[in-house]
Amino acid sequence: MNDKENTISVARAIIRIGDAAEKAKDYGLLKSLEEMVDQLARHNVKDAEVDIKLLLEYVKSLNDCEYCRASNGEMSTADL
């Protein structure tokens, strides 16, 4: 399989979904999105516009902390 066959255009859609999920505080969706982008990176899929590994770091950063998710039972600011 050559590089052209592994090139897709999904980064912009993933970024929009990630931004919407973060705004809605939908951490389950963010985790699923992270897993999906991780699979793309593992299979050496390339986006036409954005480096997939950079996209993965971006998606991970959306889910990393909101000082930290008191709403879903995880660590909260009170724990700091």
C-alpha atoms as a PDB file:
ATOM      1  CA  MET A   1       0.000   0.000   0.000  1.00  0.00           C
ATOM      2  CA  ASN A   2       1.555   3.326  -0.967  1.00  0.00           C
ATOM      3  CA  ASP A   3       1.278   6.638   0.872  1.00  0.00           C
ATOM      4  CA  LYS A   4      -1.386   7.950  -1.506  1.00  0.00           C
ATOM      5  CA  GLU A   5      -3.670   5.061  -0.542  1.00  0.00           C
ATOM      6  CA  ASN A   6      -3.234   5.914   3.155  1.00  0.00           C
ATOM      7  CA  THR A   7      -4.151   9.591   2.734  1.00  0.00           C
ATOM      8  CA  ILE A   8      -7.576  10.779   3.850  1.00  0.00           C
ATOM      9  CA  SER A   9      -9.221  14.115   4.714  1.00  0.00           C
ATOM     10  CA  VAL A  10     -10.814  13.876   8.150  1.00  0.00           C
ATOM     11  CA  ALA A  11      -8.844  16.199  10.421  1.00  0.00           C
ATOM     12  CA  ARG A  12     -11.150  19.198  10.085  1.00  0.00           C
ATOM     13  CA  ALA A  13     -14.207  17.086  10.909  1.00  0.00           C
ATOM     14  CA  ILE A  14     -12.428  15.504  13.880  1.00  0.00           C
ATOM     15  CA  ILE A  15     -11.444  18.940  15.169  1.00  0.00           C
ATOM     16  CA  ARG A  16     -15.050  20.193  14.870  1.00  0.00           C
ATOM     17  CA  ILE A  17     -16.396  17.108  16.651  1.00  0.00           C
ATOM     18  CA  GLY A  18     -13.753  17.437  19.365  1.00  0.00           C
ATOM     19  CA  ASP A  19     -14.506  21.114  19.916  1.00  0.00           C
ATOM     20  CA  ALA A  20     -18.242  20.420  20.149  1.00  0.00           C
ATOM     21  CA  ALA A  21     -17.700  17.493  22.534  1.00  0.00           C
ATOM     22  CA  GLU A  22     -15.447  19.603  24.748  1.00  0.00           C
ATOM     23  CA  LYS A  23     -17.989  22.420  24.830  1.00  0.00           C
ATOM     24  CA  ALA A  24     -20.717  19.920  25.760  1.00  0.00           C
ATOM     25  CA  LYS A  25     -18.383  18.279  28.304  1.00  0.00           C
ATOM     26  CA  ASP A  26     -18.998  14.928  26.613  1.00  0.00           C
ATOM     27  CA  TYR A  27     -15.898  13.118  27.870  1.00  0.00           C
ATOM     28  CA  GLY A  28     -17.084   9.739  26.600  1.00  0.00           C
ATOM     29  CA  LEU A  29     -17.216  11.099  23.065  1.00  0.00           C
ATOM     30  CA  LEU A  30     -13.802  12.711  23.485  1.00  0.00           C
ATOM     31  CA  LYS A  31     -12.331   9.382  24.623  1.00  0.00           C
ATOM     32  CA  SER A  32     -13.905   7.600  21.656  1.00  0.00           C
ATOM     33  CA  LEU A  33     -12.543  10.246  19.313  1.00  0.00           C
ATOM     34  CA  GLU A  34      -9.098   9.825  20.872  1.00  0.00           C
ATOM     35  CA  GLU A  35      -9.257   6.054  20.348  1.00  0.00           C
ATOM     36  CA  MET A  36     -10.332   6.527  16.727  1.00  0.00           C
ATOM     37  CA  VAL A  37      -7.484   8.938  15.936  1.00  0.00           C
ATOM     38  CA  ASP A  38      -5.050   6.642  17.765  1.00  0.00           C
ATOM     39  CA  GLN A  39      -6.084   3.786  15.451  1.00  0.00           C
ATOM     40  CA  LEU A  40      -5.530   5.999  12.410  1.00  0.00           C
ATOM     41  CA  ALA A  41      -2.048   6.862  13.695  1.00  0.00           C
ATOM     42  CA  ARG A  42      -1.211   3.214  14.422  1.00  0.00           C
ATOM     43  CA  HIS A  43      -2.131   2.244  10.864  1.00  0.00           C
ATOM     44  CA  ASN A  44       0.005   5.053   9.434  1.00  0.00           C
ATOM     45  CA  VAL A  45      -2.983   6.788   7.900  1.00  0.00           C
ATOM     46  CA  LYS A  46      -2.165  10.324   6.831  1.00  0.00           C
ATOM     47  CA  ASP A  47      -4.495  13.280   6.589  1.00  0.00           C
ATOM     48  CA  ALA A  48      -4.164  15.491   3.528  1.00  0.00           C
ATOM     49  CA  GLU A  49      -3.781  18.630   5.672  1.00  0.00           C
ATOM     50  CA  VAL A  50      -2.836  17.743   9.264  1.00  0.00           C
ATOM     51  CA  ASP A  51      -0.268  15.400  10.790  1.00  0.00           C
ATOM     52  CA  ILE A  52      -2.266  12.599  12.464  1.00  0.00           C
ATOM     53  CA  LYS A  53       0.087  12.447  15.456  1.00  0.00           C
ATOM     54  CA  LEU A  54      -0.405  16.170  16.027  1.00  0.00           C
ATOM     55  CA  LEU A  55      -4.160  15.661  15.688  1.00  0.00           C
ATOM     56  CA  LEU A  56      -3.973  12.885  18.288  1.00  0.00           C
ATOM     57  CA  GLU A  57      -2.164  15.193  20.710  1.00  0.00           C
ATOM     58  CA  TYR A  58      -4.837  17.841  20.146  1.00  0.00           C
ATOM     59  CA  VAL A  59      -7.686  15.402  20.818  1.00  0.00           C
ATOM     60  CA  LYS A  60      -5.913  14.108  23.939  1.00  0.00           C
ATOM     61  CA  SER A  61      -5.500  17.671  25.189  1.00  0.00           C
ATOM     62  CA  LEU A  62      -9.255  18.268  24.896  1.00  0.00           C
ATOM     63  CA  ASN A  63      -9.916  15.368  27.258  1.00  0.00           C
ATOM     64  CA  ASP A  64      -6.989  15.870  29.655  1.00  0.00           C
ATOM     65  CA  CYS A  65      -8.388  18.271  32.165  1.00  0.00           C
ATOM     66  CA  GLU A  66     -11.190  20.554  32.969  1.00  0.00           C
ATOM     67  CA  TYR A  67      -9.846  20.687  36.411  1.00  0.00           C
ATOM     68  CA  CYS A  68     -10.817  17.787  36.194  1.00  0.00           C
ATOM     69  CA  ARG A  69     -14.458  16.664  35.797  1.00  0.00           C
ATOM     70  CA  ALA A  70     -16.351  17.054  39.050  1.00  0.00           C
ATOM     71  CA  SER A  71     -19.514  16.449  37.060  1.00  0.00           C
ATOM     72  CA  ASN A  72     -18.708  12.839  36.197  1.00  0.00           C
ATOM     73  CA  GLY A  73     -17.183  11.672  39.458  1.00  0.00           C
ATOM     74  CA  GLU A  74     -13.550  12.175  38.557  1.00  0.00           C
ATOM     75  CA  MET A  75     -11.122  14.473  40.315  1.00  0.00           C
ATOM     76  CA  SER A  76     -12.444  17.990  40.888  1.00  0.00           C
ATOM     77  CA  THR A  77     -10.908  21.315  41.857  1.00  0.00           C
ATOM     78  CA  ALA A  78     -11.824  20.513  45.461  1.00  0.00           C
ATOM     79  CA  ASP A  79      -9.320  17.643  45.298  1.00  0.00           C
ATOM     80  CA  LEU A  80      -6.445  19.958  44.322  1.00  0.00           C
END
